[in-house]
Protein backbone atom coordinates (compact mmCIF):
# COMPACT_ATOMS: atom_id res chain seq x y z
CA MET A 1 2.51 21.33 40.97
CA THR A 2 5.70 19.09 41.43
CA VAL A 3 8.06 16.66 39.26
CA ALA A 4 5.86 13.25 41.14
CA ASP A 5 2.52 15.10 39.30
CA ILE A 6 4.13 14.34 36.05
CA VAL A 7 5.36 10.74 37.10
CA LEU A 8 1.49 10.18 38.41
CA LEU A 9 0.23 11.29 34.61
CA LYS A 10 2.66 9.40 32.97
CA ARG A 11 1.62 6.40 34.78
CA TYR A 12 -1.73 6.96 34.47
CA LEU A 13 -0.92 7.44 30.84
CA LEU A 14 0.45 4.15 30.29
CA HIS A 15 -2.17 2.94 32.32
CA LEU A 16 -0.34 1.35 35.13
CA ASP A 17 -2.60 3.55 37.37
CA ASP A 18 -6.06 5.19 37.91
CA PHE A 19 -7.02 8.26 38.63
CA SER A 20 -9.92 9.50 40.43
CA LYS A 21 -12.79 11.67 39.09
CA ILE A 22 -11.06 15.42 40.77
CA GLN A 23 -7.54 13.64 39.87
CA THR A 24 -9.26 13.72 36.34
CA LEU A 25 -10.24 16.91 36.46
CA HIS A 26 -7.25 18.35 37.74
CA ALA A 27 -4.73 16.29 35.19
CA ASP A 28 -7.45 17.92 32.21
CA LEU A 29 -5.10 21.26 32.03
CA ASN A 30 -6.20 22.44 28.80
CA GLU A 31 -10.32 21.79 29.58
CA ASP A 32 -10.95 19.43 26.51
CA LYS A 33 -12.26 16.57 28.87
CA LYS A 34 -9.59 14.36 28.16
CA VAL A 35 -6.42 13.23 30.24
CA ASN A 36 -3.94 12.89 27.47
CA GLY A 37 -0.02 14.10 26.77
CA ILE A 38 -1.00 17.00 25.82
CA ASP A 39 -1.89 17.64 29.30
CA LEU A 40 1.37 15.99 30.31
CA ALA A 41 3.11 18.54 28.04
CA LEU A 42 1.76 21.15 29.39
CA LEU A 43 2.29 20.19 32.70
CA ARG A 44 6.22 19.61 31.93
CA GLN A 45 6.05 23.74 31.00
CA ALA A 46 3.95 24.55 34.25
CA ILE A 47 6.38 23.34 36.58
CA ALA A 48 9.64 24.81 34.29
CA ASN A 49 8.26 27.60 34.36
CA GLN A 50 8.17 27.84 37.87
CA ASN A 51 11.40 28.61 39.06
């Protein structure tokens, strides 16, 4: 996971880009069958905890 993933997820949430089915599965970090702001927050937290 990198900052580039945050950018991709933000663009998806703003409807600027589409995700493939596999990207959607990977982006659903809390596994609630939805990709939303919660997943973005979890991604940010995971990246912050890498360092």
